Amino acid sequence: MNLPNSLTVFRIFLIPLLIVVLLTRFPSKEFIGVAIFLAAALTDWLDGYLARRRQQITTLGTWLDPLADKLLVTSAFIALVEMGLAPAWMVVIIVGREVAVTGLRNIALAKGTAIEVSELGKAKMATQVVTITAIILGIRFAPLETLGQWALWLTVILALASAVEYFRSFWVQMGGSPKQPRPAERRPLLEFTETPKRDVPTHR
């Protein structure tokens, strides 16, 4: 558990706090919620930067960092639906994309390869941060509400486009890579084998 991975875990622990703040009625909750969300988004950049600078890229971090991002974004969008600030069908598309891409990454890691983050994926993440921030602050500032709704449409478009790109990359890596020797196959739980017949002496 190095510093970059600790920041990733800290980001995960901020998610329940963010949801409680957004879904609780008290004054200035919008500003507190945005502050928590932006702090969590900042750790996303910081843990990757530190991991590369310190050469502390680990298998745990490779798996945990994207998962933390997905949990943060999907939780925030679901909270926006609960607050009546975002259409449910658009959030379903965004969340479905996140789940599908996470599944692809896990399959690739299990097979010994990694799907690199694409430029569309980075743009999508940045747009999501702008969208969530603008929609939440739009409760107090009307111009930001309009900006957030336009950014939400852009997020949906980038989510679909980046999903297609990830699926194509996954297909190429899984189909074009040489086949690895398969480990010893597990025998089925129930296996019926025919026992050889032995010559049984007969008494005449």
N, C-alpha and C. Protein backbone atom coordinates (compact mmCIF):
# COMPACT_ATOMS: atom_id res chain seq x y z
N MET A 1 0.85 -1.19 0.00
CA MET A 1 0.00 0.00 0.00
C MET A 1 0.89 1.24 0.00
N ASN A 2 1.23 1.75 -1.18
CA ASN A 2 2.07 2.93 -1.31
C ASN A 2 1.19 4.18 -1.31
N LEU A 3 1.83 5.35 -1.46
CA LEU A 3 1.09 6.61 -1.41
C LEU A 3 0.04 6.73 -2.52
N PRO A 4 0.36 6.44 -3.81
CA PRO A 4 -0.68 6.53 -4.84
C PRO A 4 -1.88 5.64 -4.55
N ASN A 5 -1.65 4.43 -4.11
CA ASN A 5 -2.78 3.54 -3.81
C ASN A 5 -3.56 4.04 -2.59
N SER A 6 -2.86 4.64 -1.63
CA SER A 6 -3.54 5.21 -0.47
C SER A 6 -4.47 6.35 -0.88
N LEU A 7 -4.04 7.17 -1.84
CA LEU A 7 -4.89 8.24 -2.35
C LEU A 7 -6.12 7.67 -3.06
N THR A 8 -5.93 6.58 -3.77
CA THR A 8 -7.06 5.94 -4.45
C THR A 8 -8.07 5.44 -3.43
N VAL A 9 -7.59 4.80 -2.38
CA VAL A 9 -8.49 4.33 -1.32
C VAL A 9 -9.19 5.49 -0.64
N PHE A 10 -8.45 6.60 -0.43
CA PHE A 10 -9.06 7.79 0.17
C PHE A 10 -10.19 8.32 -0.72
N ARG A 11 -10.01 8.26 -2.04
CA ARG A 11 -11.05 8.71 -2.97
C ARG A 11 -12.31 7.85 -2.81
N ILE A 12 -12.13 6.57 -2.62
CA ILE A 12 -13.28 5.68 -2.43
C ILE A 12 -14.03 6.03 -1.14
N PHE A 13 -13.29 6.36 -0.08
CA PHE A 13 -13.92 6.70 1.18
C PHE A 13 -14.65 8.04 1.12
N LEU A 14 -14.28 8.91 0.18
CA LEU A 14 -14.98 10.19 0.03
C LEU A 14 -16.36 10.03 -0.62
N ILE A 15 -16.57 8.93 -1.33
CA ILE A 15 -17.82 8.76 -2.08
C ILE A 15 -19.05 8.73 -1.17
N PRO A 16 -19.09 7.91 -0.10
CA PRO A 16 -20.27 7.96 0.77
C PRO A 16 -20.51 9.34 1.38
N LEU A 17 -19.43 10.02 1.73
CA LEU A 17 -19.57 11.37 2.28
C LEU A 17 -20.21 12.31 1.26
N LEU A 18 -19.79 12.21 0.00
CA LEU A 18 -20.37 13.04 -1.06
C LEU A 18 -21.86 12.78 -1.21
N ILE A 19 -22.26 11.52 -1.20
CA ILE A 19 -23.68 11.17 -1.38
C ILE A 19 -24.51 11.69 -0.21
N VAL A 20 -24.01 11.52 0.99
CA VAL A 20 -24.74 12.02 2.17
C VAL A 20 -24.93 13.52 2.09
N VAL A 21 -23.90 14.25 1.70
CA VAL A 21 -23.99 15.71 1.61
C VAL A 21 -25.00 16.12 0.55
N LEU A 22 -24.94 15.49 -0.63
CA LEU A 22 -25.83 15.88 -1.73
C LEU A 22 -27.29 15.56 -1.43
N LEU A 23 -27.54 14.49 -0.74
CA LEU A 23 -28.93 14.06 -0.52
C LEU A 23 -29.48 14.49 0.83
N THR A 24 -28.74 15.32 1.54
CA THR A 24 -29.21 15.85 2.82
C THR A 24 -29.55 17.32 2.66
N ARG A 25 -30.63 17.72 3.28
CA ARG A 25 -31.07 19.12 3.17
C ARG A 25 -30.45 19.96 4.28
N PHE A 26 -29.54 20.82 3.89
CA PHE A 26 -28.99 21.80 4.81
C PHE A 26 -28.39 22.93 3.98
N PRO A 27 -28.23 24.11 4.55
CA PRO A 27 -27.73 25.27 3.78
C PRO A 27 -26.33 25.03 3.23
N SER A 28 -26.11 25.55 2.04
CA SER A 28 -24.80 25.53 1.37
C SER A 28 -24.30 24.13 1.08
N LYS A 29 -25.21 23.15 0.98
CA LYS A 29 -24.76 21.79 0.70
C LYS A 29 -24.14 21.69 -0.70
N GLU A 30 -24.56 22.57 -1.62
CA GLU A 30 -24.02 22.53 -2.98
C GLU A 30 -22.53 22.82 -2.98
N PHE A 31 -22.12 23.82 -2.21
CA PHE A 31 -20.71 24.19 -2.19
C PHE A 31 -19.87 23.11 -1.50
N ILE A 32 -20.41 22.54 -0.43
CA ILE A 32 -19.69 21.48 0.27
C ILE A 32 -19.59 20.23 -0.62
N GLY A 33 -20.68 19.90 -1.30
CA GLY A 33 -20.68 18.75 -2.19
C GLY A 33 -19.68 18.91 -3.33
N VAL A 34 -19.64 20.08 -3.94
CA VAL A 34 -18.69 20.33 -5.02
C VAL A 34 -17.26 20.27 -4.50
N ALA A 35 -17.03 20.80 -3.30
CA ALA A 35 -15.68 20.76 -2.72
C ALA A 35 -15.22 19.31 -2.51
N ILE A 36 -16.11 18.46 -2.01
CA ILE A 36 -15.76 17.05 -1.80
C ILE A 36 -15.52 16.37 -3.14
N PHE A 37 -16.39 16.64 -4.11
CA PHE A 37 -16.25 16.00 -5.42
C PHE A 37 -14.96 16.42 -6.11
N LEU A 38 -14.64 17.70 -6.08
CA LEU A 38 -13.41 18.16 -6.73
C LEU A 38 -12.17 17.65 -6.01
N ALA A 39 -12.24 17.52 -4.68
CA ALA A 39 -11.11 16.95 -3.93
C ALA A 39 -10.89 15.50 -4.36
N ALA A 40 -11.99 14.75 -4.52
CA ALA A 40 -11.86 13.37 -4.96
C ALA A 40 -11.32 13.30 -6.39
N ALA A 41 -11.80 14.19 -7.27
CA ALA A 41 -11.31 14.21 -8.65
C ALA A 41 -9.84 14.59 -8.70
N LEU A 42 -9.39 15.46 -7.79
CA LEU A 42 -7.99 15.85 -7.74
C LEU A 42 -7.10 14.66 -7.37
N THR A 43 -7.55 13.82 -6.46
CA THR A 43 -6.76 12.64 -6.11
C THR A 43 -6.62 11.70 -7.30
N ASP A 44 -7.59 11.73 -8.22
CA ASP A 44 -7.50 10.89 -9.43
C ASP A 44 -6.28 11.29 -10.24
N TRP A 45 -6.06 12.58 -10.41
CA TRP A 45 -4.88 13.04 -11.14
C TRP A 45 -3.61 12.83 -10.32
N LEU A 46 -3.70 13.10 -9.01
CA LEU A 46 -2.51 13.08 -8.17
C LEU A 46 -1.96 11.66 -8.00
N ASP A 47 -2.83 10.67 -7.83
CA ASP A 47 -2.30 9.32 -7.62
C ASP A 47 -1.61 8.78 -8.88
N GLY A 48 -2.16 9.12 -10.04
CA GLY A 48 -1.50 8.70 -11.28
C GLY A 48 -0.16 9.39 -11.48
N TYR A 49 -0.12 10.68 -11.16
CA TYR A 49 1.13 11.44 -11.29
C TYR A 49 2.21 10.89 -10.36
N LEU A 50 1.84 10.63 -9.11
CA LEU A 50 2.81 10.11 -8.14
C LEU A 50 3.27 8.69 -8.49
N ALA A 51 2.33 7.90 -9.00
CA ALA A 51 2.70 6.52 -9.36
C ALA A 51 3.73 6.51 -10.47
N ARG A 52 3.56 7.39 -11.47
CA ARG A 52 4.53 7.46 -12.56
C ARG A 52 5.85 8.08 -12.10
N ARG A 53 5.77 9.13 -11.28
CA ARG A 53 6.98 9.82 -10.85
C ARG A 53 7.83 8.95 -9.93
N ARG A 54 7.18 8.22 -9.04
CA ARG A 54 7.89 7.37 -8.09
C ARG A 54 8.11 5.95 -8.60
N GLN A 55 7.60 5.70 -9.81
CA GLN A 55 7.69 4.36 -10.37
C GLN A 55 7.07 3.33 -9.42
N GLN A 56 5.86 3.65 -8.97
CA GLN A 56 5.14 2.79 -8.05
C GLN A 56 3.85 2.28 -8.69
N ILE A 57 3.92 1.97 -9.96
CA ILE A 57 2.77 1.42 -10.66
C ILE A 57 2.66 -0.06 -10.30
N THR A 58 1.56 -0.41 -9.64
CA THR A 58 1.37 -1.77 -9.17
C THR A 58 0.12 -2.37 -9.80
N THR A 59 0.01 -3.68 -9.69
CA THR A 59 -1.19 -4.36 -10.20
C THR A 59 -2.42 -3.91 -9.45
N LEU A 60 -2.29 -3.72 -8.13
CA LEU A 60 -3.42 -3.24 -7.34
C LEU A 60 -3.86 -1.86 -7.80
N GLY A 61 -2.90 -0.96 -8.01
CA GLY A 61 -3.26 0.37 -8.46
C GLY A 61 -3.87 0.39 -9.85
N THR A 62 -3.34 -0.46 -10.75
CA THR A 62 -3.88 -0.54 -12.11
C THR A 62 -5.33 -0.97 -12.11
N TRP A 63 -5.69 -1.83 -11.17
CA TRP A 63 -7.07 -2.31 -11.08
C TRP A 63 -7.95 -1.37 -10.27
N LEU A 64 -7.39 -0.81 -9.16
CA LEU A 64 -8.20 -0.05 -8.22
C LEU A 64 -8.48 1.37 -8.69
N ASP A 65 -7.54 2.00 -9.39
CA ASP A 65 -7.71 3.40 -9.78
C ASP A 65 -8.90 3.61 -10.72
N PRO A 66 -9.02 2.84 -11.82
CA PRO A 66 -10.21 3.02 -12.66
C PRO A 66 -11.50 2.69 -11.93
N LEU A 67 -11.45 1.69 -11.04
CA LEU A 67 -12.65 1.33 -10.28
C LEU A 67 -13.10 2.48 -9.39
N ALA A 68 -12.15 3.14 -8.74
CA ALA A 68 -12.48 4.29 -7.89
C ALA A 68 -13.10 5.42 -8.72
N ASP A 69 -12.56 5.65 -9.92
CA ASP A 69 -13.12 6.68 -10.81
C ASP A 69 -14.57 6.36 -11.16
N LYS A 70 -14.81 5.10 -11.51
CA LYS A 70 -16.17 4.69 -11.90
C LYS A 70 -17.13 4.85 -10.73
N LEU A 71 -16.70 4.45 -9.54
CA LEU A 71 -17.57 4.57 -8.37
C LEU A 71 -17.89 6.03 -8.07
N LEU A 72 -16.90 6.90 -8.19
CA LEU A 72 -17.10 8.32 -7.91
C LEU A 72 -18.09 8.93 -8.89
N VAL A 73 -17.87 8.70 -10.16
CA VAL A 73 -18.70 9.34 -11.19
C VAL A 73 -20.12 8.78 -11.17
N THR A 74 -20.25 7.46 -11.12
CA THR A 74 -21.58 6.86 -11.14
C THR A 74 -22.38 7.24 -9.91
N SER A 75 -21.74 7.29 -8.76
CA SER A 75 -22.45 7.69 -7.54
C SER A 75 -22.94 9.13 -7.64
N ALA A 76 -22.09 10.01 -8.14
CA ALA A 76 -22.48 11.42 -8.28
C ALA A 76 -23.65 11.57 -9.26
N PHE A 77 -23.59 10.87 -10.40
CA PHE A 77 -24.69 10.98 -11.37
C PHE A 77 -25.98 10.41 -10.83
N ILE A 78 -25.92 9.29 -10.11
CA ILE A 78 -27.13 8.72 -9.52
C ILE A 78 -27.72 9.68 -8.50
N ALA A 79 -26.86 10.36 -7.73
CA ALA A 79 -27.35 11.36 -6.79
C ALA A 79 -28.04 12.51 -7.52
N LEU A 80 -27.52 12.89 -8.69
CA LEU A 80 -28.15 13.97 -9.47
C LEU A 80 -29.54 13.55 -9.95
N VAL A 81 -29.70 12.29 -10.31
CA VAL A 81 -31.02 11.80 -10.70
C VAL A 81 -31.98 11.87 -9.52
N GLU A 82 -31.51 11.43 -8.35
CA GLU A 82 -32.33 11.47 -7.14
C GLU A 82 -32.73 12.90 -6.79
N MET A 83 -31.86 13.85 -7.09
CA MET A 83 -32.14 15.26 -6.80
C MET A 83 -32.99 15.90 -7.89
N GLY A 84 -33.27 15.17 -8.96
CA GLY A 84 -34.06 15.71 -10.06
C GLY A 84 -33.31 16.67 -10.94
N LEU A 85 -31.99 16.54 -11.00
CA LEU A 85 -31.17 17.47 -11.77
C LEU A 85 -30.66 16.89 -13.08
N ALA A 86 -30.84 15.59 -13.30
CA ALA A 86 -30.35 14.95 -14.52
C ALA A 86 -31.34 13.88 -14.96
N PRO A 87 -31.59 13.76 -16.28
CA PRO A 87 -32.51 12.72 -16.77
C PRO A 87 -31.96 11.32 -16.50
N ALA A 88 -32.83 10.44 -16.06
CA ALA A 88 -32.40 9.09 -15.68
C ALA A 88 -31.85 8.32 -16.88
N TRP A 89 -32.43 8.51 -18.08
CA TRP A 89 -32.00 7.71 -19.23
C TRP A 89 -30.57 8.06 -19.66
N MET A 90 -30.20 9.33 -19.49
CA MET A 90 -28.84 9.72 -19.84
C MET A 90 -27.84 9.14 -18.83
N VAL A 91 -28.22 9.15 -17.57
CA VAL A 91 -27.35 8.59 -16.54
C VAL A 91 -27.21 7.08 -16.71
N VAL A 92 -28.29 6.42 -17.14
CA VAL A 92 -28.22 4.97 -17.39
C VAL A 92 -27.17 4.67 -18.47
N ILE A 93 -27.14 5.48 -19.52
CA ILE A 93 -26.14 5.28 -20.59
C ILE A 93 -24.73 5.46 -20.03
N ILE A 94 -24.53 6.51 -19.24
CA ILE A 94 -23.19 6.78 -18.69
C ILE A 94 -22.76 5.67 -17.74
N VAL A 95 -23.65 5.27 -16.84
CA VAL A 95 -23.31 4.22 -15.87
C VAL A 95 -23.10 2.89 -16.57
N GLY A 96 -23.96 2.58 -17.55
CA GLY A 96 -23.79 1.33 -18.30
C GLY A 96 -22.46 1.27 -19.02
N ARG A 97 -22.04 2.38 -19.57
CA ARG A 97 -20.74 2.44 -20.22
C ARG A 97 -19.61 2.16 -19.23
N GLU A 98 -19.71 2.78 -18.05
CA GLU A 98 -18.66 2.59 -17.05
C GLU A 98 -18.56 1.13 -16.62
N VAL A 99 -19.70 0.49 -16.42
CA VAL A 99 -19.71 -0.92 -16.01
C VAL A 99 -19.12 -1.80 -17.10
N ALA A 100 -19.51 -1.53 -18.35
CA ALA A 100 -19.02 -2.36 -19.46
C ALA A 100 -17.51 -2.23 -19.64
N VAL A 101 -17.00 -1.01 -19.59
CA VAL A 101 -15.56 -0.80 -19.77
C VAL A 101 -14.78 -1.41 -18.61
N THR A 102 -15.32 -1.29 -17.40
CA THR A 102 -14.66 -1.91 -16.24
C THR A 102 -14.58 -3.42 -16.42
N GLY A 103 -15.64 -4.01 -16.93
CA GLY A 103 -15.62 -5.45 -17.20
C GLY A 103 -14.56 -5.82 -18.22
N LEU A 104 -14.44 -5.03 -19.28
CA LEU A 104 -13.41 -5.30 -20.29
C LEU A 104 -12.01 -5.21 -19.69
N ARG A 105 -11.80 -4.20 -18.86
CA ARG A 105 -10.47 -4.05 -18.25
C ARG A 105 -10.14 -5.24 -17.35
N ASN A 106 -11.11 -5.71 -16.60
CA ASN A 106 -10.86 -6.84 -15.71
C ASN A 106 -10.56 -8.12 -16.49
N ILE A 107 -11.27 -8.32 -17.58
CA ILE A 107 -11.01 -9.50 -18.41
C ILE A 107 -9.61 -9.42 -19.01
N ALA A 108 -9.25 -8.23 -19.50
CA ALA A 108 -7.92 -8.05 -20.10
C ALA A 108 -6.82 -8.28 -19.06
N LEU A 109 -7.01 -7.75 -17.85
CA LEU A 109 -6.01 -7.95 -16.79
C LEU A 109 -5.89 -9.42 -16.42
N ALA A 110 -7.01 -10.12 -16.40
CA ALA A 110 -6.98 -11.54 -16.07
C ALA A 110 -6.21 -12.34 -17.12
N LYS A 111 -6.18 -11.84 -18.35
CA LYS A 111 -5.46 -12.51 -19.42
C LYS A 111 -4.04 -11.98 -19.60
N GLY A 112 -3.60 -11.10 -18.70
CA GLY A 112 -2.23 -10.63 -18.72
C GLY A 112 -1.97 -9.43 -19.60
N THR A 113 -3.01 -8.74 -20.06
CA THR A 113 -2.83 -7.53 -20.86
C THR A 113 -3.59 -6.38 -20.20
N ALA A 114 -3.28 -5.18 -20.63
CA ALA A 114 -3.94 -4.00 -20.08
C ALA A 114 -4.43 -3.12 -21.22
N ILE A 115 -5.64 -2.61 -21.07
CA ILE A 115 -6.20 -1.68 -22.05
C ILE A 115 -5.86 -0.26 -21.61
N GLU A 116 -5.06 0.42 -22.40
CA GLU A 116 -4.62 1.76 -22.04
C GLU A 116 -5.78 2.75 -22.13
N VAL A 117 -5.69 3.78 -21.29
CA VAL A 117 -6.71 4.83 -21.32
C VAL A 117 -6.56 5.63 -22.60
N SER A 118 -7.66 5.76 -23.33
CA SER A 118 -7.62 6.46 -24.61
C SER A 118 -7.81 7.96 -24.40
N GLU A 119 -7.53 8.72 -25.45
CA GLU A 119 -7.72 10.18 -25.37
C GLU A 119 -9.20 10.52 -25.21
N LEU A 120 -10.07 9.73 -25.87
CA LEU A 120 -11.50 9.94 -25.70
C LEU A 120 -11.92 9.67 -24.26
N GLY A 121 -11.31 8.65 -23.66
CA GLY A 121 -11.62 8.34 -22.28
C GLY A 121 -11.21 9.47 -21.34
N LYS A 122 -10.03 10.05 -21.58
CA LYS A 122 -9.59 11.18 -20.75
C LYS A 122 -10.51 12.38 -20.94
N ALA A 123 -10.91 12.64 -22.19
CA ALA A 123 -11.81 13.76 -22.45
C ALA A 123 -13.16 13.53 -21.80
N LYS A 124 -13.62 12.28 -21.82
CA LYS A 124 -14.90 11.95 -21.19
C LYS A 124 -14.84 12.19 -19.70
N MET A 125 -13.74 11.78 -19.06
CA MET A 125 -13.60 11.98 -17.61
C MET A 125 -13.59 13.46 -17.27
N ALA A 126 -12.85 14.26 -18.04
CA ALA A 126 -12.81 15.70 -17.78
C ALA A 126 -14.20 16.33 -17.96
N THR A 127 -14.90 15.89 -18.98
CA THR A 127 -16.25 16.42 -19.23
C THR A 127 -17.19 16.04 -18.11
N GLN A 128 -17.04 14.83 -17.58
CA GLN A 128 -17.89 14.40 -16.47
C GLN A 128 -17.68 15.29 -15.24
N VAL A 129 -16.43 15.62 -14.96
CA VAL A 129 -16.14 16.49 -13.82
C VAL A 129 -16.79 17.86 -14.00
N VAL A 130 -16.66 18.41 -15.21
CA VAL A 130 -17.28 19.72 -15.49
C VAL A 130 -18.80 19.61 -15.39
N THR A 131 -19.36 18.54 -15.93
CA THR A 131 -20.82 18.37 -15.92
C THR A 131 -21.37 18.30 -14.51
N ILE A 132 -20.79 17.44 -13.69
CA ILE A 132 -21.29 17.27 -12.32
C ILE A 132 -21.14 18.56 -11.52
N THR A 133 -19.99 19.21 -11.67
CA THR A 133 -19.75 20.46 -10.94
C THR A 133 -20.74 21.55 -11.35
N ALA A 134 -20.95 21.69 -12.67
CA ALA A 134 -21.84 22.74 -13.16
C ALA A 134 -23.28 22.48 -12.77
N ILE A 135 -23.72 21.23 -12.83
CA ILE A 135 -25.11 20.92 -12.49
C ILE A 135 -25.37 21.17 -11.01
N ILE A 136 -24.43 20.78 -10.15
CA ILE A 136 -24.63 21.00 -8.72
C ILE A 136 -24.65 22.50 -8.40
N LEU A 137 -23.68 23.24 -8.92
CA LEU A 137 -23.65 24.68 -8.66
C LEU A 137 -24.78 25.41 -9.38
N GLY A 138 -25.35 24.76 -10.41
CA GLY A 138 -26.47 25.37 -11.11
C GLY A 138 -27.69 25.56 -10.24
N ILE A 139 -27.74 24.87 -9.09
CA ILE A 139 -28.83 25.09 -8.15
C ILE A 139 -28.81 26.54 -7.65
N ARG A 140 -27.63 27.10 -7.54
CA ARG A 140 -27.50 28.49 -7.07
C ARG A 140 -27.30 29.48 -8.22
N PHE A 141 -26.67 29.03 -9.29
CA PHE A 141 -26.32 29.93 -10.39
C PHE A 141 -26.94 29.39 -11.69
N ALA A 142 -27.93 30.11 -12.21
CA ALA A 142 -28.67 29.65 -13.38
C ALA A 142 -27.80 29.44 -14.62
N PRO A 143 -26.84 30.32 -14.95
CA PRO A 143 -26.01 30.07 -16.13
C PRO A 143 -25.25 28.75 -16.07
N LEU A 144 -24.82 28.36 -14.87
CA LEU A 144 -24.11 27.09 -14.75
C LEU A 144 -25.03 25.90 -14.97
N GLU A 145 -26.30 26.07 -14.66
CA GLU A 145 -27.26 24.99 -14.93
C GLU A 145 -27.35 24.71 -16.42
N THR A 146 -27.41 25.78 -17.23
CA THR A 146 -27.45 25.60 -18.68
C THR A 146 -26.16 24.96 -19.18
N LEU A 147 -25.03 25.42 -18.67
CA LEU A 147 -23.75 24.83 -19.04
C LEU A 147 -23.71 23.35 -18.68
N GLY A 148 -24.22 23.01 -17.51
CA GLY A 148 -24.22 21.61 -17.07
C GLY A 148 -25.06 20.71 -17.96
N GLN A 149 -26.20 21.22 -18.42
CA GLN A 149 -27.05 20.40 -19.29
C GLN A 149 -26.41 20.16 -20.65
N TRP A 150 -25.76 21.18 -21.21
CA TRP A 150 -25.04 21.00 -22.47
C TRP A 150 -23.86 20.05 -22.27
N ALA A 151 -23.17 20.21 -21.18
CA ALA A 151 -22.04 19.32 -20.89
C ALA A 151 -22.50 17.89 -20.68
N LEU A 152 -23.71 17.71 -20.16
CA LEU A 152 -24.25 16.36 -19.96
C LEU A 152 -24.46 15.66 -21.30
N TRP A 153 -24.99 16.38 -22.27
CA TRP A 153 -25.12 15.80 -23.62
C TRP A 153 -23.77 15.42 -24.19
N LEU A 154 -22.79 16.29 -24.01
CA LEU A 154 -21.44 15.99 -24.51
C LEU A 154 -20.87 14.76 -23.80
N THR A 155 -21.15 14.62 -22.52
CA THR A 155 -20.68 13.47 -21.76
C THR A 155 -21.26 12.18 -22.32
N VAL A 156 -22.54 12.19 -22.64
CA VAL A 156 -23.18 10.99 -23.20
C VAL A 156 -22.54 10.62 -24.54
N ILE A 157 -22.30 11.61 -25.38
CA ILE A 157 -21.69 11.35 -26.69
C ILE A 157 -20.30 10.78 -26.53
N LEU A 158 -19.50 11.38 -25.67
CA LEU A 158 -18.13 10.89 -25.45
C LEU A 158 -18.13 9.52 -24.79
N ALA A 159 -19.11 9.27 -23.92
CA ALA A 159 -19.20 7.95 -23.27
C ALA A 159 -19.43 6.86 -24.32
N LEU A 160 -20.34 7.11 -25.24
CA LEU A 160 -20.62 6.12 -26.29
C LEU A 160 -19.43 5.96 -27.23
N ALA A 161 -18.83 7.08 -27.63
CA ALA A 161 -17.70 7.02 -28.57
C ALA A 161 -16.51 6.30 -27.95
N SER A 162 -16.20 6.62 -26.69
CA SER A 162 -15.06 5.97 -26.03
C SER A 162 -15.34 4.50 -25.77
N ALA A 163 -16.61 4.14 -25.52
CA ALA A 163 -16.95 2.74 -25.32
C ALA A 163 -16.67 1.93 -26.57
N VAL A 164 -17.04 2.48 -27.73
CA VAL A 164 -16.75 1.81 -29.00
C VAL A 164 -15.25 1.63 -29.18
N GLU A 165 -14.49 2.66 -28.84
CA GLU A 165 -13.02 2.59 -28.98
C GLU A 165 -12.43 1.53 -28.06
N TYR A 166 -12.92 1.45 -26.82
CA TYR A 166 -12.42 0.44 -25.89
C TYR A 166 -12.77 -0.97 -26.35
N PHE A 167 -13.98 -1.15 -26.85
CA PHE A 167 -14.38 -2.47 -27.34
C PHE A 167 -13.52 -2.88 -28.53
N ARG A 168 -13.19 -1.93 -29.41
CA ARG A 168 -12.34 -2.24 -30.55
C ARG A 168 -10.93 -2.61 -30.08
N SER A 169 -10.39 -1.85 -29.12
CA SER A 169 -9.07 -2.16 -28.59
C SER A 169 -9.06 -3.52 -27.91
N PHE A 170 -10.11 -3.82 -27.15
CA PHE A 170 -10.20 -5.11 -26.48
C PHE A 170 -10.25 -6.24 -27.50
N TRP A 171 -11.01 -6.06 -28.56
CA TRP A 171 -11.14 -7.09 -29.59
C TRP A 171 -9.80 -7.36 -30.27
N VAL A 172 -9.08 -6.27 -30.57
CA VAL A 172 -7.78 -6.43 -31.23
C VAL A 172 -6.79 -7.15 -30.31
N GLN A 173 -6.75 -6.75 -29.05
CA GLN A 173 -5.79 -7.36 -28.13
C GLN A 173 -6.11 -8.81 -27.85
N MET A 174 -7.36 -9.12 -27.70
CA MET A 174 -7.73 -10.50 -27.41
C MET A 174 -7.64 -11.39 -28.64
N GLY A 175 -7.94 -10.84 -29.80
CA GLY A 175 -7.93 -11.65 -31.01
C GLY A 175 -6.58 -11.70 -31.68
N GLY A 176 -5.77 -10.63 -31.56
CA GLY A 176 -4.50 -10.58 -32.26
C GLY A 176 -3.32 -11.10 -31.47
N SER A 177 -3.47 -11.22 -30.15
CA SER A 177 -2.34 -11.67 -29.35
C SER A 177 -2.18 -13.17 -29.46
N PRO A 178 -0.94 -13.67 -29.40
CA PRO A 178 -0.74 -15.10 -29.49
C PRO A 178 -1.39 -15.81 -28.33
N LYS A 179 -1.87 -16.99 -28.58
CA LYS A 179 -2.55 -17.74 -27.55
C LYS A 179 -1.54 -18.23 -26.52
N GLN A 180 -1.88 -18.00 -25.27
CA GLN A 180 -1.03 -18.45 -24.19
C GLN A 180 -1.33 -19.93 -23.91
N PRO A 181 -0.30 -20.65 -23.46
CA PRO A 181 -0.57 -22.03 -23.11
C PRO A 181 -1.58 -22.10 -21.99
N ARG A 182 -2.55 -22.96 -22.17
CA ARG A 182 -3.62 -23.06 -21.21
C ARG A 182 -3.15 -23.82 -19.98
N PRO A 183 -3.54 -23.37 -18.80
CA PRO A 183 -3.17 -24.11 -17.59
C PRO A 183 -3.87 -25.45 -17.56
N ALA A 184 -3.42 -26.27 -16.66
CA ALA A 184 -4.03 -27.59 -16.56
C ALA A 184 -5.52 -27.44 -16.31
N GLU A 185 -6.30 -28.10 -17.10
CA GLU A 185 -7.73 -27.96 -17.02
C GLU A 185 -8.25 -28.63 -15.75
N ARG A 186 -9.21 -27.97 -15.14
CA ARG A 186 -9.81 -28.56 -13.98
C ARG A 186 -10.78 -29.66 -14.39
N ARG A 187 -10.76 -30.69 -13.62
CA ARG A 187 -11.67 -31.77 -13.91
C ARG A 187 -13.05 -31.38 -13.39
N PRO A 188 -14.09 -31.80 -14.08
CA PRO A 188 -15.44 -31.47 -13.62
C PRO A 188 -15.71 -32.03 -12.24
N LEU A 189 -16.64 -31.35 -11.56
CA LEU A 189 -16.96 -31.77 -10.21
C LEU A 189 -17.49 -33.19 -10.17
N LEU A 190 -18.34 -33.49 -11.12
CA LEU A 190 -18.85 -34.85 -11.22
C LEU A 190 -18.37 -35.44 -12.52
N GLU A 191 -17.60 -36.44 -12.47
CA GLU A 191 -17.03 -37.03 -13.68
C GLU A 191 -17.25 -38.54 -13.59
N PHE A 192 -17.88 -39.05 -14.62
CA PHE A 192 -18.17 -40.47 -14.65
C PHE A 192 -17.19 -41.14 -15.59
N THR A 193 -16.42 -42.04 -15.08
CA THR A 193 -15.46 -42.77 -15.90
C THR A 193 -15.78 -44.24 -15.83
N GLU A 194 -15.51 -44.87 -16.89
CA GLU A 194 -15.80 -46.29 -16.96
C GLU A 194 -14.62 -47.07 -16.36
N THR A 195 -14.86 -47.80 -15.31
CA THR A 195 -13.80 -48.57 -14.67
C THR A 195 -13.50 -49.80 -15.49
N PRO A 196 -12.22 -50.08 -15.67
CA PRO A 196 -11.88 -51.25 -16.47
C PRO A 196 -12.37 -52.54 -15.80
N LYS A 197 -12.83 -53.42 -16.64
CA LYS A 197 -13.33 -54.68 -16.13
C LYS A 197 -12.18 -55.64 -15.86
N ARG A 198 -12.25 -56.25 -14.73
CA ARG A 198 -11.23 -57.22 -14.38
C ARG A 198 -11.78 -58.64 -14.61
N ASP A 199 -10.85 -59.48 -14.92
CA ASP A 199 -11.25 -60.88 -15.11
C ASP A 199 -11.52 -61.48 -13.76
N VAL A 200 -12.73 -61.86 -13.57
CA VAL A 200 -13.13 -62.45 -12.31
C VAL A 200 -13.17 -63.96 -12.48
N PRO A 201 -12.39 -64.67 -11.67
CA PRO A 201 -12.38 -66.12 -11.83
C PRO A 201 -13.74 -66.73 -11.52
N THR A 202 -14.11 -67.65 -12.32
CA THR A 202 -15.40 -68.31 -12.12
C THR A 202 -15.16 -69.69 -11.53
N HIS A 203 -16.05 -70.08 -10.67
CA HIS A 203 -15.98 -71.39 -10.04
C HIS A 203 -16.91 -72.34 -10.77
N ARG A 204 -16.35 -73.36 -11.30
CA ARG A 204 -17.17 -74.31 -12.03
C ARG A 204 -17.58 -75.46 -11.11
